[in-house]
Amino acid sequence: MSQRMSDIWPGLPADSGLDLLGSEILAEKAAALGKAGEKARLALERLKAKPREAEGRETLLKDAAHAVHAYFIQRELCGLRRHEAIIREYEIPTAVLVRLGAK
C-alpha cells in the first residue's frame, strides 16, 4: 500500500508535489542508470582497444554484451524503451548487439 504525504500530514495539500518516496525512487533509478551506462561505456572502450584477432577478445565481447544488456534493461526500467540513439552514441558494434542476452 502506498502512502501519500497528505495521508501522513492531513494539512498538506494532495497536489503539493511533496512525494518523498517517489523522489527517492527516482534518484535511485537515475543513479543505477548512470552506473550501468558507465559500466557499458568502459566495457566497450576495453573492447575497442583490443585488436580484432587478439587473444581474449571473445571474453571482452561477452563482457561488453553483458554490460550493454544490463544498461538497456535499466533504461527500460526508467521508461526509456528506444535504444537507437544510445547504440549510435556509444558506437556499440554489431558483434556486441548480436550477443545481447546470451550467456
PDB file of N, CA and C in Angstrom:
ATOM      1  N   MET A   1       0.838  -1.171   0.000  1.00  0.00           N
ATOM      2  CA  MET A   1       0.000   0.000   0.000  1.00  0.00           C
ATOM      3  C   MET A   1       0.887   1.240   0.000  1.00  0.00           C
ATOM      4  N   SER A   2       0.612   2.150  -0.916  1.00  0.00           N
ATOM      5  CA  SER A   2       1.422   3.366  -0.969  1.00  0.00           C
ATOM      6  C   SER A   2       0.792   4.449  -0.103  1.00  0.00           C
ATOM      7  N   GLN A   3       1.639   5.278   0.413  1.00  0.00           N
ATOM      8  CA  GLN A   3       1.200   6.386   1.271  1.00  0.00           C
ATOM      9  C   GLN A   3       1.513   7.694   0.574  1.00  0.00           C
ATOM     10  N   ARG A   4       0.614   8.594   0.618  1.00  0.00           N
ATOM     11  CA  ARG A   4       0.862   9.952   0.137  1.00  0.00           C
ATOM     12  C   ARG A   4       1.210  10.803   1.356  1.00  0.00           C
ATOM     13  N   MET A   5       1.972  11.834   1.091  1.00  0.00           N
ATOM     14  CA  MET A   5       2.341  12.721   2.190  1.00  0.00           C
ATOM     15  C   MET A   5       1.095  13.360   2.807  1.00  0.00           C
ATOM     16  N   SER A   6       0.049  13.599   1.986  1.00  0.00           N
ATOM     17  CA  SER A   6      -1.174  14.191   2.529  1.00  0.00           C
ATOM     18  C   SER A   6      -1.908  13.223   3.456  1.00  0.00           C
ATOM     19  N   ASP A   7      -1.652  11.908   3.328  1.00  0.00           N
ATOM     20  CA  ASP A   7      -2.226  10.931   4.248  1.00  0.00           C
ATOM     21  C   ASP A   7      -1.544  11.022   5.616  1.00  0.00           C
ATOM     22  N   ILE A   8      -0.247  11.288   5.599  1.00  0.00           N
ATOM     23  CA  ILE A   8       0.519  11.361   6.843  1.00  0.00           C
ATOM     24  C   ILE A   8       0.288  12.701   7.528  1.00  0.00           C
ATOM     25  N   TRP A   9       0.329  13.782   6.738  1.00  0.00           N
ATOM     26  CA  TRP A   9       0.091  15.127   7.242  1.00  0.00           C
ATOM     27  C   TRP A   9      -1.188  15.662   6.606  1.00  0.00           C
ATOM     28  N   PRO A  10      -2.319  15.529   7.287  1.00  0.00           N
ATOM     29  CA  PRO A  10      -3.604  15.917   6.693  1.00  0.00           C
ATOM     30  C   PRO A  10      -3.675  17.366   6.235  1.00  0.00           C
ATOM     31  N   GLY A  11      -2.914  18.256   6.802  1.00  0.00           N
ATOM     32  CA  GLY A  11      -2.960  19.659   6.410  1.00  0.00           C
ATOM     33  C   GLY A  11      -2.231  19.943   5.104  1.00  0.00           C
ATOM     34  N   LEU A  12      -1.457  18.989   4.621  1.00  0.00           N
ATOM     35  CA  LEU A  12      -0.674  19.162   3.401  1.00  0.00           C
ATOM     36  C   LEU A  12      -1.571  18.919   2.192  1.00  0.00           C
ATOM     37  N   PRO A  13      -1.614  19.847   1.245  1.00  0.00           N
ATOM     38  CA  PRO A  13      -2.450  19.640   0.058  1.00  0.00           C
ATOM     39  C   PRO A  13      -1.984  18.412  -0.731  1.00  0.00           C
ATOM     40  N   ALA A  14      -2.947  17.673  -1.287  1.00  0.00           N
ATOM     41  CA  ALA A  14      -2.627  16.440  -2.014  1.00  0.00           C
ATOM     42  C   ALA A  14      -1.767  16.701  -3.238  1.00  0.00           C
ATOM     43  N   ASP A  15      -1.886  17.855  -3.842  1.00  0.00           N
ATOM     44  CA  ASP A  15      -1.132  18.150  -5.057  1.00  0.00           C
ATOM     45  C   ASP A  15       0.107  19.006  -4.795  1.00  0.00           C
ATOM     46  N   SER A  16       0.671  18.917  -3.596  1.00  0.00           N
ATOM     47  CA  SER A  16       1.805  19.768  -3.238  1.00  0.00           C
ATOM     48  C   SER A  16       3.090  19.340  -3.932  1.00  0.00           C
ATOM     49  N   GLY A  17       3.126  18.157  -4.499  1.00  0.00           N
ATOM     50  CA  GLY A  17       4.332  17.692  -5.163  1.00  0.00           C
ATOM     51  C   GLY A  17       5.355  17.142  -4.199  1.00  0.00           C
ATOM     52  N   LEU A  18       5.036  17.104  -2.939  1.00  0.00           N
ATOM     53  CA  LEU A  18       5.967  16.589  -1.952  1.00  0.00           C
ATOM     54  C   LEU A  18       5.764  15.086  -1.822  1.00  0.00           C
ATOM     55  N   ASP A  19       6.499  14.342  -2.585  1.00  0.00           N
ATOM     56  CA  ASP A  19       6.395  12.894  -2.584  1.00  0.00           C
ATOM     57  C   ASP A  19       7.795  12.347  -2.305  1.00  0.00           C
ATOM     58  N   LEU A  20       8.109  12.217  -1.044  1.00  0.00           N
ATOM     59  CA  LEU A  20       9.466  11.840  -0.657  1.00  0.00           C
ATOM     60  C   LEU A  20       9.864  10.470  -1.170  1.00  0.00           C
ATOM     61  N   LEU A  21       9.000   9.496  -1.048  1.00  0.00           N
ATOM     62  CA  LEU A  21       9.335   8.151  -1.512  1.00  0.00           C
ATOM     63  C   LEU A  21       9.514   8.142  -3.022  1.00  0.00           C
ATOM     64  N   GLY A  22       8.611   8.803  -3.721  1.00  0.00           N
ATOM     65  CA  GLY A  22       8.726   8.880  -5.176  1.00  0.00           C
ATOM     66  C   GLY A  22      10.019   9.549  -5.608  1.00  0.00           C
ATOM     67  N   SER A  23      10.401  10.599  -4.922  1.00  0.00           N
ATOM     68  CA  SER A  23      11.652  11.292  -5.232  1.00  0.00           C
ATOM     69  C   SER A  23      12.852  10.395  -4.970  1.00  0.00           C
ATOM     70  N   GLU A  24      12.804   9.656  -3.885  1.00  0.00           N
ATOM     71  CA  GLU A  24      13.896   8.739  -3.543  1.00  0.00           C
ATOM     72  C   GLU A  24      14.023   7.627  -4.589  1.00  0.00           C
ATOM     73  N   ILE A  25      12.896   7.108  -5.028  1.00  0.00           N
ATOM     74  CA  ILE A  25      12.907   6.052  -6.052  1.00  0.00           C
ATOM     75  C   ILE A  25      13.484   6.584  -7.354  1.00  0.00           C
ATOM     76  N   LEU A  26      13.070   7.772  -7.759  1.00  0.00           N
ATOM     77  CA  LEU A  26      13.600   8.371  -8.985  1.00  0.00           C
ATOM     78  C   LEU A  26      15.111   8.598  -8.889  1.00  0.00           C
ATOM     79  N   ALA A  27      15.569   9.041  -7.733  1.00  0.00           N
ATOM     80  CA  ALA A  27      17.007   9.258  -7.539  1.00  0.00           C
ATOM     81  C   ALA A  27      17.777   7.949  -7.645  1.00  0.00           C
ATOM     82  N   GLU A  28      17.232   6.887  -7.075  1.00  0.00           N
ATOM     83  CA  GLU A  28      17.881   5.577  -7.152  1.00  0.00           C
ATOM     84  C   GLU A  28      17.910   5.059  -8.586  1.00  0.00           C
ATOM     85  N   LYS A  29      16.808   5.245  -9.307  1.00  0.00           N
ATOM     86  CA  LYS A  29      16.759   4.823 -10.706  1.00  0.00           C
ATOM     87  C   LYS A  29      17.806   5.579 -11.525  1.00  0.00           C
ATOM     88  N   ALA A  30      17.908   6.881 -11.298  1.00  0.00           N
ATOM     89  CA  ALA A  30      18.874   7.697 -12.030  1.00  0.00           C
ATOM     90  C   ALA A  30      20.308   7.274 -11.712  1.00  0.00           C
ATOM     91  N   ALA A  31      20.583   7.008 -10.454  1.00  0.00           N
ATOM     92  CA  ALA A  31      21.928   6.575 -10.063  1.00  0.00           C
ATOM     93  C   ALA A  31      22.265   5.223 -10.688  1.00  0.00           C
ATOM     94  N   ALA A  32      21.321   4.295 -10.656  1.00  0.00           N
ATOM     95  CA  ALA A  32      21.545   2.971 -11.248  1.00  0.00           C
ATOM     96  C   ALA A  32      21.742   3.082 -12.754  1.00  0.00           C
ATOM     97  N   LEU A  33      20.986   3.961 -13.400  1.00  0.00           N
ATOM     98  CA  LEU A  33      21.129   4.160 -14.838  1.00  0.00           C
ATOM     99  C   LEU A  33      22.514   4.716 -15.163  1.00  0.00           C
ATOM    100  N   GLY A  34      22.966   5.667 -14.378  1.00  0.00           N
ATOM    101  CA  GLY A  34      24.300   6.231 -14.588  1.00  0.00           C
ATOM    102  C   GLY A  34      25.400   5.201 -14.409  1.00  0.00           C
ATOM    103  N   LYS A  35      25.292   4.374 -13.375  1.00  0.00           N
ATOM    104  CA  LYS A  35      26.297   3.331 -13.133  1.00  0.00           C
ATOM    105  C   LYS A  35      26.302   2.309 -14.261  1.00  0.00           C
ATOM    106  N   ALA A  36      25.117   1.895 -14.699  1.00  0.00           N
ATOM    107  CA  ALA A  36      25.024   0.910 -15.784  1.00  0.00           C
ATOM    108  C   ALA A  36      25.595   1.484 -17.077  1.00  0.00           C
ATOM    109  N   GLY A  37      25.318   2.754 -17.343  1.00  0.00           N
ATOM    110  CA  GLY A  37      25.859   3.391 -18.537  1.00  0.00           C
ATOM    111  C   GLY A  37      27.373   3.491 -18.497  1.00  0.00           C
ATOM    112  N   GLU A  38      27.903   3.802 -17.338  1.00  0.00           N
ATOM    113  CA  GLU A  38      29.366   3.892 -17.192  1.00  0.00           C
ATOM    114  C   GLU A  38      30.022   2.526 -17.363  1.00  0.00           C
ATOM    115  N   LYS A  39      29.434   1.486 -16.807  1.00  0.00           N
ATOM    116  CA  LYS A  39      29.972   0.124 -16.975  1.00  0.00           C
ATOM    117  C   LYS A  39      29.955  -0.275 -18.440  1.00  0.00           C
ATOM    118  N   ALA A  40      28.875   0.034 -19.133  1.00  0.00           N
ATOM    119  CA  ALA A  40      28.789  -0.291 -20.559  1.00  0.00           C
ATOM    120  C   ALA A  40      29.851   0.474 -21.337  1.00  0.00           C
ATOM    121  N   ARG A  41      29.999   1.754 -21.048  1.00  0.00           N
ATOM    122  CA  ARG A  41      30.991   2.570 -21.751  1.00  0.00           C
ATOM    123  C   ARG A  41      32.402   2.032 -21.564  1.00  0.00           C
ATOM    124  N   LEU A  42      32.732   1.669 -20.323  1.00  0.00           N
ATOM    125  CA  LEU A  42      34.072   1.141 -20.041  1.00  0.00           C
ATOM    126  C   LEU A  42      34.309  -0.203 -20.723  1.00  0.00           C
ATOM    127  N   ALA A  43      33.311  -1.068 -20.708  1.00  0.00           N
ATOM    128  CA  ALA A  43      33.446  -2.378 -21.363  1.00  0.00           C
ATOM    129  C   ALA A  43      33.630  -2.203 -22.871  1.00  0.00           C
ATOM    130  N   LEU A  44      32.905  -1.263 -23.454  1.00  0.00           N
ATOM    131  CA  LEU A  44      33.047  -1.009 -24.888  1.00  0.00           C
ATOM    132  C   LEU A  44      34.410  -0.398 -25.218  1.00  0.00           C
ATOM    133  N   GLU A  45      34.930   0.442 -24.343  1.00  0.00           N
ATOM    134  CA  GLU A  45      36.271   1.013 -24.552  1.00  0.00           C
ATOM    135  C   GLU A  45      37.340  -0.073 -24.495  1.00  0.00           C
ATOM    136  N   ARG A  46      37.217  -0.999 -23.530  1.00  0.00           N
ATOM    137  CA  ARG A  46      38.182  -2.106 -23.450  1.00  0.00           C
ATOM    138  C   ARG A  46      38.129  -2.955 -24.717  1.00  0.00           C
ATOM    139  N   LEU A  47      36.925  -3.188 -25.205  1.00  0.00           N
ATOM    140  CA  LEU A  47      36.763  -3.982 -26.427  1.00  0.00           C
ATOM    141  C   LEU A  47      37.378  -3.259 -27.622  1.00  0.00           C
ATOM    142  N   LYS A  48      37.133  -1.974 -27.736  1.00  0.00           N
ATOM    143  CA  LYS A  48      37.642  -1.194 -28.866  1.00  0.00           C
ATOM    144  C   LYS A  48      39.176  -1.144 -28.865  1.00  0.00           C
ATOM    145  N   ALA A  49      39.779  -1.171 -27.674  1.00  0.00           N
ATOM    146  CA  ALA A  49      41.231  -1.087 -27.556  1.00  0.00           C
ATOM    147  C   ALA A  49      41.928  -2.395 -27.951  1.00  0.00           C
ATOM    148  N   LYS A  50      41.175  -3.482 -28.011  1.00  0.00           N
ATOM    149  CA  LYS A  50      41.750  -4.799 -28.316  1.00  0.00           C
ATOM    150  C   LYS A  50      41.634  -5.074 -29.813  1.00  0.00           C
ATOM    151  N   PRO A  51      42.736  -5.425 -30.478  1.00  0.00           N
ATOM    152  CA  PRO A  51      42.670  -5.755 -31.909  1.00  0.00           C
ATOM    153  C   PRO A  51      41.731  -6.946 -32.172  1.00  0.00           C
ATOM    154  N   ARG A  52      41.137  -6.963 -33.365  1.00  0.00           N
ATOM    155  CA  ARG A  52      40.128  -7.978 -33.714  1.00  0.00           C
ATOM    156  C   ARG A  52      40.618  -9.408 -33.541  1.00  0.00           C
ATOM    157  N   GLU A  53      41.835  -9.678 -33.886  1.00  0.00           N
ATOM    158  CA  GLU A  53      42.350 -11.048 -33.842  1.00  0.00           C
ATOM    159  C   GLU A  53      43.097 -11.363 -32.544  1.00  0.00           C
ATOM    160  N   ALA A  54      43.069 -10.462 -31.602  1.00  0.00           N
ATOM    161  CA  ALA A  54      43.830 -10.643 -30.359  1.00  0.00           C
ATOM    162  C   ALA A  54      43.196 -11.706 -29.472  1.00  0.00           C
ATOM    163  N   GLU A  55      44.050 -12.357 -28.722  1.00  0.00           N
ATOM    164  CA  GLU A  55      43.590 -13.361 -27.761  1.00  0.00           C
ATOM    165  C   GLU A  55      42.817 -12.664 -26.639  1.00  0.00           C
ATOM    166  N   GLY A  56      41.736 -13.258 -26.226  1.00  0.00           N
ATOM    167  CA  GLY A  56      40.927 -12.694 -25.157  1.00  0.00           C
ATOM    168  C   GLY A  56      39.822 -11.770 -25.642  1.00  0.00           C
ATOM    169  N   ARG A  57      39.742 -11.562 -26.955  1.00  0.00           N
ATOM    170  CA  ARG A  57      38.708 -10.664 -27.498  1.00  0.00           C
ATOM    171  C   ARG A  57      37.309 -11.229 -27.271  1.00  0.00           C
ATOM    172  N   GLU A  58      37.156 -12.541 -27.346  1.00  0.00           N
ATOM    173  CA  GLU A  58      35.834 -13.151 -27.151  1.00  0.00           C
ATOM    174  C   GLU A  58      35.318 -12.866 -25.737  1.00  0.00           C
ATOM    175  N   THR A  59      36.192 -12.901 -24.766  1.00  0.00           N
ATOM    176  CA  THR A  59      35.803 -12.577 -23.389  1.00  0.00           C
ATOM    177  C   THR A  59      35.375 -11.118 -23.280  1.00  0.00           C
ATOM    178  N   LEU A  60      36.109 -10.247 -23.941  1.00  0.00           N
ATOM    179  CA  LEU A  60      35.739  -8.827 -23.937  1.00  0.00           C
ATOM    180  C   LEU A  60      34.399  -8.595 -24.631  1.00  0.00           C
ATOM    181  N   LEU A  61      34.129  -9.349 -25.706  1.00  0.00           N
ATOM    182  CA  LEU A  61      32.836  -9.248 -26.378  1.00  0.00           C
ATOM    183  C   LEU A  61      31.708  -9.662 -25.442  1.00  0.00           C
ATOM    184  N   LYS A  62      31.912 -10.759 -24.730  1.00  0.00           N
ATOM    185  CA  LYS A  62      30.890 -11.222 -23.786  1.00  0.00           C
ATOM    186  C   LYS A  62      30.676 -10.212 -22.665  1.00  0.00           C
ATOM    187  N   ASP A  63      31.768  -9.660 -22.145  1.00  0.00           N
ATOM    188  CA  ASP A  63      31.663  -8.665 -21.078  1.00  0.00           C
ATOM    189  C   ASP A  63      30.926  -7.417 -21.563  1.00  0.00           C
ATOM    190  N   ALA A  64      31.253  -6.975 -22.773  1.00  0.00           N
ATOM    191  CA  ALA A  64      30.593  -5.788 -23.326  1.00  0.00           C
ATOM    192  C   ALA A  64      29.106  -6.060 -23.555  1.00  0.00           C
ATOM    193  N   ALA A  65      28.777  -7.242 -24.074  1.00  0.00           N
ATOM    194  CA  ALA A  65      27.373  -7.588 -24.311  1.00  0.00           C
ATOM    195  C   ALA A  65      26.609  -7.639 -22.997  1.00  0.00           C
ATOM    196  N   HIS A  66      27.225  -8.190 -21.975  1.00  0.00           N
ATOM    197  CA  HIS A  66      26.570  -8.257 -20.658  1.00  0.00           C
ATOM    198  C   HIS A  66      26.326  -6.850 -20.102  1.00  0.00           C
ATOM    199  N   ALA A  67      27.326  -5.984 -20.201  1.00  0.00           N
ATOM    200  CA  ALA A  67      27.200  -4.621 -19.681  1.00  0.00           C
ATOM    201  C   ALA A  67      26.161  -3.822 -20.469  1.00  0.00           C
ATOM    202  N   VAL A  68      26.150  -3.966 -21.787  1.00  0.00           N
ATOM    203  CA  VAL A  68      25.174  -3.245 -22.614  1.00  0.00           C
ATOM    204  C   VAL A  68      23.769  -3.768 -22.342  1.00  0.00           C
ATOM    205  N   HIS A  69      23.634  -5.074 -22.201  1.00  0.00           N
ATOM    206  CA  HIS A  69      22.322  -5.669 -21.892  1.00  0.00           C
ATOM    207  C   HIS A  69      21.795  -5.131 -20.560  1.00  0.00           C
ATOM    208  N   ALA A  70      22.642  -5.086 -19.548  1.00  0.00           N
ATOM    209  CA  ALA A  70      22.241  -4.554 -18.244  1.00  0.00           C
ATOM    210  C   ALA A  70      21.846  -3.082 -18.354  1.00  0.00           C
ATOM    211  N   TYR A  71      22.575  -2.330 -19.171  1.00  0.00           N
ATOM    212  CA  TYR A  71      22.266  -0.912 -19.378  1.00  0.00           C
ATOM    213  C   TYR A  71      20.912  -0.750 -20.067  1.00  0.00           C
ATOM    214  N   PHE A  72      20.663  -1.553 -21.083  1.00  0.00           N
ATOM    215  CA  PHE A  72      19.377  -1.482 -21.784  1.00  0.00           C
ATOM    216  C   PHE A  72      18.223  -1.835 -20.846  1.00  0.00           C
ATOM    217  N   ILE A  73      18.410  -2.830 -20.012  1.00  0.00           N
ATOM    218  CA  ILE A  73      17.360  -3.202 -19.056  1.00  0.00           C
ATOM    219  C   ILE A  73      17.092  -2.055 -18.096  1.00  0.00           C
ATOM    220  N   GLN A  74      18.152  -1.430 -17.589  1.00  0.00           N
ATOM    221  CA  GLN A  74      17.980  -0.309 -16.662  1.00  0.00           C
ATOM    222  C   GLN A  74      17.282   0.859 -17.352  1.00  0.00           C
ATOM    223  N   ARG A  75      17.626   1.107 -18.605  1.00  0.00           N
ATOM    224  CA  ARG A  75      16.945   2.165 -19.362  1.00  0.00           C
ATOM    225  C   ARG A  75      15.455   1.864 -19.470  1.00  0.00           C
ATOM    226  N   GLU A  76      15.124   0.603 -19.755  1.00  0.00           N
ATOM    227  CA  GLU A  76      13.719   0.226 -19.881  1.00  0.00           C
ATOM    228  C   GLU A  76      12.980   0.361 -18.558  1.00  0.00           C
ATOM    229  N   LEU A  77      13.647   0.059 -17.457  1.00  0.00           N
ATOM    230  CA  LEU A  77      13.033   0.239 -16.140  1.00  0.00           C
ATOM    231  C   LEU A  77      12.746   1.718 -15.866  1.00  0.00           C
ATOM    232  N   CYS A  78      13.503   2.592 -16.487  1.00  0.00           N
ATOM    233  CA  CYS A  78      13.291   4.033 -16.336  1.00  0.00           C
ATOM    234  C   CYS A  78      12.304   4.569 -17.375  1.00  0.00           C
ATOM    235  N   GLY A  79      11.750   3.681 -18.186  1.00  0.00           N
ATOM    236  CA  GLY A  79      10.770   4.091 -19.176  1.00  0.00           C
ATOM    237  C   GLY A  79      11.365   4.479 -20.518  1.00  0.00           C
ATOM    238  N   LEU A  80      12.646   4.269 -20.703  1.00  0.00           N
ATOM    239  CA  LEU A  80      13.322   4.609 -21.959  1.00  0.00           C
ATOM    240  C   LEU A  80      13.399   3.349 -22.818  1.00  0.00           C
ATOM    241  N   ARG A  81      12.492   3.207 -23.750  1.00  0.00           N
ATOM    242  CA  ARG A  81      12.339   1.965 -24.498  1.00  0.00           C
ATOM    243  C   ARG A  81      13.126   1.909 -25.806  1.00  0.00           C
ATOM    244  N   ARG A  82      13.509   3.037 -26.332  1.00  0.00           N
ATOM    245  CA  ARG A  82      14.202   3.063 -27.619  1.00  0.00           C
ATOM    246  C   ARG A  82      15.697   3.242 -27.382  1.00  0.00           C
ATOM    247  N   HIS A  83      16.486   2.392 -28.039  1.00  0.00           N
ATOM    248  CA  HIS A  83      17.926   2.383 -27.783  1.00  0.00           C
ATOM    249  C   HIS A  83      18.773   2.812 -28.984  1.00  0.00           C
ATOM    250  N   GLU A  84      18.128   3.196 -30.078  1.00  0.00           N
ATOM    251  CA  GLU A  84      18.877   3.522 -31.295  1.00  0.00           C
ATOM    252  C   GLU A  84      19.890   4.645 -31.070  1.00  0.00           C
ATOM    253  N   ALA A  85      19.487   5.682 -30.369  1.00  0.00           N
ATOM    254  CA  ALA A  85      20.393   6.809 -30.125  1.00  0.00           C
ATOM    255  C   ALA A  85      21.586   6.383 -29.267  1.00  0.00           C
ATOM    256  N   ILE A  86      21.337   5.527 -28.292  1.00  0.00           N
ATOM    257  CA  ILE A  86      22.431   5.043 -27.430  1.00  0.00           C
ATOM    258  C   ILE A  86      23.382   4.160 -28.227  1.00  0.00           C
ATOM    259  N   ILE A  87      22.830   3.337 -29.110  1.00  0.00           N
ATOM    260  CA  ILE A  87      23.672   2.475 -29.942  1.00  0.00           C
ATOM    261  C   ILE A  87      24.601   3.342 -30.791  1.00  0.00           C
ATOM    262  N   ARG A  88      24.074   4.427 -31.345  1.00  0.00           N
ATOM    263  CA  ARG A  88      24.920   5.345 -32.136  1.00  0.00           C
ATOM    264  C   ARG A  88      25.909   6.099 -31.255  1.00  0.00           C
ATOM    265  N   GLU A  89      25.423   6.633 -30.140  1.00  0.00           N
ATOM    266  CA  GLU A  89      26.286   7.447 -29.271  1.00  0.00           C
ATOM    267  C   GLU A  89      27.445   6.640 -28.692  1.00  0.00           C
ATOM    268  N   TYR A  90      27.159   5.439 -28.241  1.00  0.00           N
ATOM    269  CA  TYR A  90      28.191   4.589 -27.644  1.00  0.00           C
ATOM    270  C   TYR A  90      28.967   3.806 -28.696  1.00  0.00           C
ATOM    271  N   GLU A  91      28.527   3.905 -29.964  1.00  0.00           N
ATOM    272  CA  GLU A  91      29.152   3.177 -31.069  1.00  0.00           C
ATOM    273  C   GLU A  91      29.233   1.684 -30.741  1.00  0.00           C
ATOM    274  N   ILE A  92      28.084   1.122 -30.364  1.00  0.00           N
ATOM    275  CA  ILE A  92      28.030  -0.290 -29.985  1.00  0.00           C
ATOM    276  C   ILE A  92      28.135  -1.129 -31.249  1.00  0.00           C
ATOM    277  N   PRO A  93      29.174  -1.964 -31.347  1.00  0.00           N
ATOM    278  CA  PRO A  93      29.361  -2.766 -32.556  1.00  0.00           C
ATOM    279  C   PRO A  93      28.295  -3.860 -32.690  1.00  0.00           C
ATOM    280  N   THR A  94      28.053  -4.255 -33.936  1.00  0.00           N
ATOM    281  CA  THR A  94      27.092  -5.314 -34.221  1.00  0.00           C
ATOM    282  C   THR A  94      27.480  -6.600 -33.501  1.00  0.00           C
ATOM    283  N   ALA A  95      28.781  -6.858 -33.383  1.00  0.00           N
ATOM    284  CA  ALA A  95      29.246  -8.073 -32.703  1.00  0.00           C
ATOM    285  C   ALA A  95      28.773  -8.121 -31.255  1.00  0.00           C
ATOM    286  N   VAL A  96      28.586  -6.970 -30.647  1.00  0.00           N
ATOM    287  CA  VAL A  96      28.058  -6.906 -29.266  1.00  0.00           C
ATOM    288  C   VAL A  96      26.547  -7.053 -29.295  1.00  0.00           C
ATOM    289  N   LEU A  97      25.897  -6.343 -30.204  1.00  0.00           N
ATOM    290  CA  LEU A  97      24.430  -6.358 -30.261  1.00  0.00           C
ATOM    291  C   LEU A  97      23.868  -7.748 -30.500  1.00  0.00           C
ATOM    292  N   VAL A  98      24.545  -8.559 -31.325  1.00  0.00           N
ATOM    293  CA  VAL A  98      24.024  -9.907 -31.585  1.00  0.00           C
ATOM    294  C   VAL A  98      24.170 -10.820 -30.383  1.00  0.00           C
ATOM    295  N   ARG A  99      24.984 -10.428 -29.431  1.00  0.00           N
ATOM    296  CA  ARG A  99      25.192 -11.248 -28.224  1.00  0.00           C
ATOM    297  C   ARG A  99      24.334 -10.812 -27.038  1.00  0.00           C
ATOM    298  N   LEU A 100      23.529  -9.781 -27.194  1.00  0.00           N
ATOM    299  CA  LEU A 100      22.734  -9.283 -26.070  1.00  0.00           C
ATOM    300  C   LEU A 100      21.850 -10.373 -25.507  1.00  0.00           C
ATOM    301  N   GLY A 101      21.935 -10.570 -24.212  1.00  0.00           N
ATOM    302  CA  GLY A 101      21.108 -11.561 -23.534  1.00  0.00           C
ATOM    303  C   GLY A 101      21.689 -12.954 -23.545  1.00  0.00           C
ATOM    304  N   ALA A 102      22.699 -13.202 -24.354  1.00  0.00           N
ATOM    305  CA  ALA A 102      23.300 -14.542 -24.427  1.00  0.00           C
ATOM    306  C   ALA A 102      24.300 -14.725 -23.288  1.00  0.00           C
ATOM    307  N   LYS A 103      24.353 -15.926 -22.777  1.00  0.00           N
ATOM    308  CA  LYS A 103      25.315 -16.227 -21.698  1.00  0.00           C
ATOM    309  C   LYS A 103      26.355 -17.196 -22.176  1.00  0.00           C
TER     310      LYS A 103
END
